[in-house]
Amino acid sequence: MATNPTTKKLAADAAAEESVEALPETAPVRPARKAALGADVVGPPLPLNVEPVTVTLVHHHTIDGIGYRPGAKLLVSPEYAQRLRGQGYATQV
């Protein structure tokens, strides 16, 4: 005598399975990069009573999801300017 290896699905299981199959699978959405806009202070926020410093980038660099090309002039905090210069992203002035 032959046996059937498949099992019967209950109506609730079949409905749940159909609703799962009906949903399209989507890839995770990666946030789009923003274009560099105005001359605002970028990077970490400025401490109180500290003037921003202008730096010129030597290499492409992304700050807060915004891509900046070589030659871009940015206003940054003095501490961040020192870090950028030390890492080779900004010109030594």
C-alpha atoms as a PDB file:
ATOM      1  CA  MET A   1       0.000   0.000   0.000  1.00  0.00           C
ATOM      2  CA  ALA A   2       1.366   3.425  -0.977  1.00  0.00           C
ATOM      3  CA  THR A   3       1.307   6.347   1.416  1.00  0.00           C
ATOM      4  CA  ASN A   4       1.064   9.990   0.552  1.00  0.00           C
ATOM      5  CA  PRO A   5       3.955  11.969   2.165  1.00  0.00           C
ATOM      6  CA  THR A   6       2.177  15.324   1.798  1.00  0.00           C
ATOM      7  CA  THR A   7      -0.044  16.628   4.517  1.00  0.00           C
ATOM      8  CA  LYS A   8      -3.313  18.450   4.136  1.00  0.00           C
ATOM      9  CA  LYS A   9      -3.208  22.157   4.806  1.00  0.00           C
ATOM     10  CA  LEU A  10      -5.766  23.711   7.028  1.00  0.00           C
ATOM     11  CA  ALA A  11      -7.740  26.632   5.594  1.00  0.00           C
ATOM     12  CA  ALA A  12      -6.103  29.148   7.977  1.00  0.00           C
ATOM     13  CA  ASP A  13      -2.585  27.948   7.070  1.00  0.00           C
ATOM     14  CA  ALA A  14      -3.356  28.101   3.355  1.00  0.00           C
ATOM     15  CA  ALA A  15      -4.701  31.661   3.622  1.00  0.00           C
ATOM     16  CA  ALA A  16      -1.661  32.796   5.623  1.00  0.00           C
ATOM     17  CA  GLU A  17       0.699  31.192   3.125  1.00  0.00           C
ATOM     18  CA  GLU A  18      -1.054  32.877   0.185  1.00  0.00           C
ATOM     19  CA  SER A  19      -0.875  36.299   1.850  1.00  0.00           C
ATOM     20  CA  VAL A  20       2.866  35.864   2.466  1.00  0.00           C
ATOM     21  CA  GLU A  21       3.431  34.799  -1.129  1.00  0.00           C
ATOM     22  CA  ALA A  22       1.490  37.806  -2.421  1.00  0.00           C
ATOM     23  CA  LEU A  23       3.876  40.298  -0.814  1.00  0.00           C
ATOM     24  CA  PRO A  24       6.740  41.280  -3.138  1.00  0.00           C
ATOM     25  CA  GLU A  25      10.199  41.080  -1.642  1.00  0.00           C
ATOM     26  CA  THR A  26      12.101  44.337  -1.784  1.00  0.00           C
ATOM     27  CA  ALA A  27      15.764  45.016  -1.325  1.00  0.00           C
ATOM     28  CA  PRO A  28      16.757  47.161   1.653  1.00  0.00           C
ATOM     29  CA  VAL A  29      16.678  50.826   0.701  1.00  0.00           C
ATOM     30  CA  ARG A  30      19.967  52.675   1.013  1.00  0.00           C
ATOM     31  CA  PRO A  31      19.651  56.409   1.629  1.00  0.00           C
ATOM     32  CA  ALA A  32      20.567  58.490  -1.386  1.00  0.00           C
ATOM     33  CA  ARG A  33      23.607  60.711  -1.078  1.00  0.00           C
ATOM     34  CA  LYS A  34      22.917  64.392  -1.014  1.00  0.00           C
ATOM     35  CA  ALA A  35      24.701  66.835  -3.241  1.00  0.00           C
ATOM     36  CA  ALA A  36      26.924  69.417  -1.593  1.00  0.00           C
ATOM     37  CA  LEU A  37      24.865  72.578  -1.363  1.00  0.00           C
ATOM     38  CA  GLY A  38      25.626  75.792   0.479  1.00  0.00           C
ATOM     39  CA  ALA A  39      28.470  77.083   2.598  1.00  0.00           C
ATOM     40  CA  ASP A  40      27.134  75.826   5.926  1.00  0.00           C
ATOM     41  CA  VAL A  41      29.364  74.449   8.651  1.00  0.00           C
ATOM     42  CA  VAL A  42      29.812  70.713   8.053  1.00  0.00           C
ATOM     43  CA  GLY A  43      30.998  67.948  10.338  1.00  0.00           C
ATOM     44  CA  PRO A  44      30.796  68.126  14.119  1.00  0.00           C
ATOM     45  CA  PRO A  45      28.947  71.132  15.538  1.00  0.00           C
ATOM     46  CA  LEU A  46      30.888  74.225  16.519  1.00  0.00           C
ATOM     47  CA  PRO A  47      31.568  74.822  20.214  1.00  0.00           C
ATOM     48  CA  LEU A  48      30.134  78.050  21.629  1.00  0.00           C
ATOM     49  CA  ASN A  49      31.974  81.264  20.707  1.00  0.00           C
ATOM     50  CA  VAL A  50      34.264  79.543  18.164  1.00  0.00           C
ATOM     51  CA  GLU A  51      34.573  80.781  14.590  1.00  0.00           C
ATOM     52  CA  PRO A  52      34.546  78.207  11.755  1.00  0.00           C
ATOM     53  CA  VAL A  53      37.649  77.598   9.651  1.00  0.00           C
ATOM     54  CA  THR A  54      37.715  77.197   5.860  1.00  0.00           C
ATOM     55  CA  VAL A  55      39.516  74.117   4.528  1.00  0.00           C
ATOM     56  CA  THR A  56      40.135  72.967   0.963  1.00  0.00           C
ATOM     57  CA  LEU A  57      39.777  69.247   0.350  1.00  0.00           C
ATOM     58  CA  VAL A  58      42.542  67.378  -1.457  1.00  0.00           C
ATOM     59  CA  HIS A  59      40.651  64.070  -1.835  1.00  0.00           C
ATOM     60  CA  HIS A  60      37.014  63.085  -2.247  1.00  0.00           C
ATOM     61  CA  HIS A  61      35.435  62.905   1.209  1.00  0.00           C
ATOM     62  CA  THR A  62      31.932  62.113   2.497  1.00  0.00           C
ATOM     63  CA  ILE A  63      30.723  63.994   5.557  1.00  0.00           C
ATOM     64  CA  ASP A  64      27.271  63.247   7.019  1.00  0.00           C
ATOM     65  CA  GLY A  65      26.239  61.421   3.821  1.00  0.00           C
ATOM     66  CA  ILE A  66      27.190  64.285   1.516  1.00  0.00           C
ATOM     67  CA  GLY A  67      29.993  63.699  -0.974  1.00  0.00           C
ATOM     68  CA  TYR A  68      32.500  66.515  -1.481  1.00  0.00           C
ATOM     69  CA  ARG A  69      34.934  66.574  -4.402  1.00  0.00           C
ATOM     70  CA  PRO A  70      38.606  67.543  -4.290  1.00  0.00           C
ATOM     71  CA  GLY A  71      38.999  71.329  -4.295  1.00  0.00           C
ATOM     72  CA  ALA A  72      35.775  71.937  -2.348  1.00  0.00           C
ATOM     73  CA  LYS A  73      36.038  74.662   0.279  1.00  0.00           C
ATOM     74  CA  LEU A  74      34.227  73.813   3.506  1.00  0.00           C
ATOM     75  CA  LEU A  75      33.517  75.643   6.744  1.00  0.00           C
ATOM     76  CA  VAL A  76      34.352  73.345   9.667  1.00  0.00           C
ATOM     77  CA  SER A  77      35.230  73.626  13.335  1.00  0.00           C
ATOM     78  CA  PRO A  78      38.942  74.194  14.088  1.00  0.00           C
ATOM     79  CA  GLU A  79      39.268  70.757  15.730  1.00  0.00           C
ATOM     80  CA  TYR A  80      37.702  69.024  12.723  1.00  0.00           C
ATOM     81  CA  ALA A  81      39.953  71.004  10.363  1.00  0.00           C
ATOM     82  CA  GLN A  82      42.989  69.755  12.280  1.00  0.00           C
ATOM     83  CA  ARG A  83      41.745  66.148  12.007  1.00  0.00           C
ATOM     84  CA  LEU A  84      41.094  66.518   8.263  1.00  0.00           C
ATOM     85  CA  ARG A  85      44.576  67.934   7.717  1.00  0.00           C
ATOM     86  CA  GLY A  86      46.192  65.220   9.840  1.00  0.00           C
ATOM     87  CA  GLN A  87      44.415  62.477   7.878  1.00  0.00           C
ATOM     88  CA  GLY A  88      45.401  64.032   4.545  1.00  0.00           C
ATOM     89  CA  TYR A  89      41.927  65.101   3.385  1.00  0.00           C
ATOM     90  CA  ALA A  90      42.565  68.845   3.555  1.00  0.00           C
ATOM     91  CA  THR A  91      45.474  71.025   2.477  1.00  0.00           C
ATOM     92  CA  GLN A  92      48.108  72.011   5.009  1.00  0.00           C
ATOM     93  CA  VAL A  93      47.936  75.810   5.288  1.00  0.00           C
END
